C-alpha atoms as a PDB file:
ATOM      1  CA  MET A   1      86.599  19.310 -11.442  1.00  0.00           C
ATOM      2  CA  SER A   2      86.732  16.217  -9.210  1.00  0.00           C
ATOM      3  CA  ALA A   3      88.049  13.368  -9.943  1.00  0.00           C
ATOM      4  CA  LEU A   4      85.317  12.016 -12.118  1.00  0.00           C
ATOM      5  CA  THR A   5      85.722   9.159 -14.162  1.00  0.00           C
ATOM      6  CA  LEU A   6      86.068  10.419 -17.842  1.00  0.00           C
ATOM      7  CA  LYS A   7      84.032   8.656 -20.287  1.00  0.00           C
ATOM      8  CA  PRO A   8      85.023   9.196 -24.189  1.00  0.00           C
ATOM      9  CA  LEU A   9      81.914  10.833 -25.551  1.00  0.00           C
ATOM     10  CA  ALA A  10      81.789  11.444 -30.033  1.00  0.00           C
ATOM     11  CA  VAL A  11      79.161  14.075 -31.592  1.00  0.00           C
ATOM     12  CA  ARG A  12      79.138  15.507 -34.854  1.00  0.00           C
ATOM     13  CA  ILE A  13      79.311  19.487 -34.625  1.00  0.00           C
ATOM     14  CA  PRO A  14      78.662  22.294 -36.640  1.00  0.00           C
ATOM     15  CA  GLU A  15      82.070  24.066 -38.456  1.00  0.00           C
ATOM     16  CA  GLU A  16      81.020  26.957 -36.719  1.00  0.00           C
ATOM     17  CA  ILE A  17      80.903  25.816 -33.176  1.00  0.00           C
ATOM     18  CA  GLU A  18      84.248  24.096 -33.870  1.00  0.00           C
ATOM     19  CA  LYS A  19      86.049  27.165 -34.554  1.00  0.00           C
ATOM     20  CA  GLU A  20      84.244  28.796 -31.107  1.00  0.00           C
ATOM     21  CA  ILE A  21      85.947  25.746 -29.340  1.00  0.00           C
ATOM     22  CA  HIS A  22      89.142  26.583 -30.975  1.00  0.00           C
ATOM     23  CA  GLU A  23      89.112  29.866 -29.968  1.00  0.00           C
ATOM     24  CA  ILE A  24      88.421  28.968 -26.487  1.00  0.00           C
ATOM     25  CA  VAL A  25      91.334  26.391 -26.503  1.00  0.00           C
ATOM     26  CA  GLU A  26      93.539  29.411 -27.401  1.00  0.00           C
ATOM     27  CA  TYR A  27      92.504  32.175 -25.111  1.00  0.00           C
ATOM     28  CA  LYS A  28      92.163  29.615 -22.169  1.00  0.00           C
ATOM     29  CA  LYS A  29      95.568  27.819 -22.845  1.00  0.00           C
ATOM     30  CA  VAL A  30      93.820  24.536 -22.442  1.00  0.00           C
ATOM     31  CA  ASP A  31      93.635  21.687 -24.366  1.00  0.00           C
ATOM     32  CA  LYS A  32      90.021  20.578 -26.922  1.00  0.00           C
ATOM     33  CA  ALA A  33      88.615  18.288 -24.392  1.00  0.00           C
ATOM     34  CA  THR A  34      89.313  20.022 -21.650  1.00  0.00           C
ATOM     35  CA  ALA A  35      87.182  23.362 -23.212  1.00  0.00           C
ATOM     36  CA  VAL A  36      84.531  20.919 -24.708  1.00  0.00           C
ATOM     37  CA  ARG A  37      84.370  19.342 -20.703  1.00  0.00           C
ATOM     38  CA  THR A  38      84.177  23.096 -19.311  1.00  0.00           C
ATOM     39  CA  LEU A  39      81.560  24.277 -22.090  1.00  0.00           C
ATOM     40  CA  LEU A  40      79.332  20.970 -21.255  1.00  0.00           C
ATOM     41  CA  GLU A  41      79.499  21.777 -17.627  1.00  0.00           C
ATOM     42  CA  MET A  42      78.516  25.275 -17.956  1.00  0.00           C
ATOM     43  CA  GLY A  43      76.008  24.679 -20.596  1.00  0.00           C
ATOM     44  CA  ILE A  44      74.121  21.509 -18.367  1.00  0.00           C
ATOM     45  CA  ALA A  45      74.614  24.081 -14.903  1.00  0.00           C
ATOM     46  CA  GLU A  46      72.209  26.559 -17.390  1.00  0.00           C
ATOM     47  CA  TRP A  47      69.864  24.219 -18.594  1.00  0.00           C
ATOM     48  CA  ARG A  48      69.257  22.824 -14.781  1.00  0.00           C
ATOM     49  CA  LYS A  49      68.449  26.743 -13.806  1.00  0.00           C
ATOM     50  CA  GLN A  50      66.174  27.072 -16.835  1.00  0.00           C
ATOM     51  CA  ILE A  51      64.651  23.420 -16.585  1.00  0.00           C
ATOM     52  CA  ALA A  52      63.641  24.496 -12.470  1.00  0.00           C
ATOM     53  CA  LEU A  53      63.079  27.937 -13.689  1.00  0.00           C
ATOM     54  CA  ASP A  54      60.350  26.788 -15.922  1.00  0.00           C
ATOM     55  CA  LEU A  55      59.396  24.011 -13.680  1.00  0.00           C
ATOM     56  CA  LEU A  56      58.481  26.751 -10.785  1.00  0.00           C
ATOM     57  CA  ARG A  57      57.093  29.071 -13.086  1.00  0.00           C
ATOM     58  CA  GLN A  58      54.394  26.658 -14.267  1.00  0.00           C
ATOM     59  CA  GLY A  59      53.643  25.807 -10.029  1.00  0.00           C
ATOM     60  CA  LYS A  60      54.894  22.162 -11.074  1.00  0.00           C
ATOM     61  CA  VAL A  61      57.741  22.094  -8.188  1.00  0.00           C
ATOM     62  CA  THR A  62      58.012  23.719  -4.938  1.00  0.00           C
ATOM     63  CA  PHE A  63      60.512  25.995  -4.272  1.00  0.00           C
ATOM     64  CA  ALA A  64      62.644  23.724  -2.658  1.00  0.00           C
ATOM     65  CA  LYS A  65      62.550  21.340  -5.817  1.00  0.00           C
ATOM     66  CA  ALA A  66      63.346  24.124  -8.226  1.00  0.00           C
ATOM     67  CA  ALA A  67      66.789  24.535  -6.093  1.00  0.00           C
ATOM     68  CA  GLU A  68      67.162  20.934  -6.124  1.00  0.00           C
ATOM     69  CA  ILE A  69      67.192  20.422  -9.557  1.00  0.00           C
ATOM     70  CA  ALA A  70      69.334  23.548 -10.575  1.00  0.00           C
ATOM     71  CA  LYS A  71      71.345  22.049  -8.255  1.00  0.00           C
ATOM     72  CA  LEU A  72      71.722  25.027  -5.735  1.00  0.00           C
ATOM     73  CA  SER A  73      70.594  26.808  -2.091  1.00  0.00           C
ATOM     74  CA  LEU A  74      67.638  28.289  -1.474  1.00  0.00           C
ATOM     75  CA  TRP A  75      69.267  31.368  -1.194  1.00  0.00           C
ATOM     76  CA  GLU A  76      70.633  30.988  -4.912  1.00  0.00           C
ATOM     77  CA  LEU A  77      67.438  30.276  -6.209  1.00  0.00           C
ATOM     78  CA  ALA A  78      65.740  33.256  -4.468  1.00  0.00           C
ATOM     79  CA  ASP A  79      68.428  35.527  -6.259  1.00  0.00           C
ATOM     80  CA  LEU A  80      68.012  33.865  -9.412  1.00  0.00           C
ATOM     81  CA  VAL A  81      64.375  33.905  -9.005  1.00  0.00           C
ATOM     82  CA  LYS A  82      65.082  38.015  -8.551  1.00  0.00           C
ATOM     83  CA  GLN A  83      66.931  38.406 -11.212  1.00  0.00           C
ATOM     84  CA  GLN A  84      64.931  36.234 -13.625  1.00  0.00           C
ATOM     85  CA  GLN A  85      61.607  38.333 -12.168  1.00  0.00           C
ATOM     86  CA  ILE A  86      59.519  35.178 -12.290  1.00  0.00           C
ATOM     87  CA  GLU A  87      56.037  34.558  -9.936  1.00  0.00           C
ATOM     88  CA  TRP A  88      56.018  31.659  -8.637  1.00  0.00           C
ATOM     89  CA  VAL A  89      53.869  32.590  -5.304  1.00  0.00           C
ATOM     90  CA  ARG A  90      50.150  32.322  -6.543  1.00  0.00           C
ATOM     91  CA  TYR A  91      47.432  33.782  -4.417  1.00  0.00           C
ATOM     92  CA  THR A  92      44.135  35.010  -5.080  1.00  0.00           C
ATOM     93  CA  PRO A  93      43.740  38.760  -3.202  1.00  0.00           C
ATOM     94  CA  GLU A  94      40.854  36.419  -0.968  1.00  0.00           C
ATOM     95  CA  GLU A  95      43.984  34.292  -0.033  1.00  0.00           C
ATOM     96  CA  ILE A  96      45.947  36.703   0.973  1.00  0.00           C
ATOM     97  CA  GLU A  97      43.185  38.465   2.966  1.00  0.00           C
ATOM     98  CA  LYS A  98      42.781  35.098   4.648  1.00  0.00           C
ATOM     99  CA  GLU A  99      46.492  34.517   5.548  1.00  0.00           C
ATOM    100  CA  ILE A 100      46.498  38.029   7.037  1.00  0.00           C
ATOM    101  CA  THR A 101      43.466  37.255   9.184  1.00  0.00           C
ATOM    102  CA  GLU A 102      44.989  34.437  10.033  1.00  0.00           C
ATOM    103  CA  ALA A 103      48.342  35.202  11.310  1.00  0.00           C
ATOM    104  CA  SER A 104      46.580  37.899  12.750  1.00  0.00           C
ATOM    105  CA  THR A 105      44.331  35.760  14.775  1.00  0.00           C
ATOM    106  CA  ALA A 106      47.169  33.841  15.664  1.00  0.00           C
ATOM    107  CA  GLU A 107      49.481  36.642  17.000  1.00  0.00           C
ATOM    108  CA  SER A 108      46.856  38.122  19.281  1.00  0.00           C
ATOM    109  CA  LYS A 109      45.823  35.344  21.288  1.00  0.00           C
END
């Protein structure tokens, strides 16, 4: 993590989550605050990806905007879209045929 200004955050959590955090502290050999910060960063990164994929799937954002939301490169988002089998290009067969015809016409000129 880069040199960030750290702000205090108080939150009540279920006992089961506290046990999970304790396991992480023991496994990673870090203090509790570091473990919680790491988990928050990971959770937020995953949340951003899911929101970006949902918006892309719904056709509410462009591919480039989805990459920006997810804080991924276009190539990283392309890999994620492929892994998740997200359909984001919505062409009718007629639109595809028109695109092919126009591309063929332009190419023959």
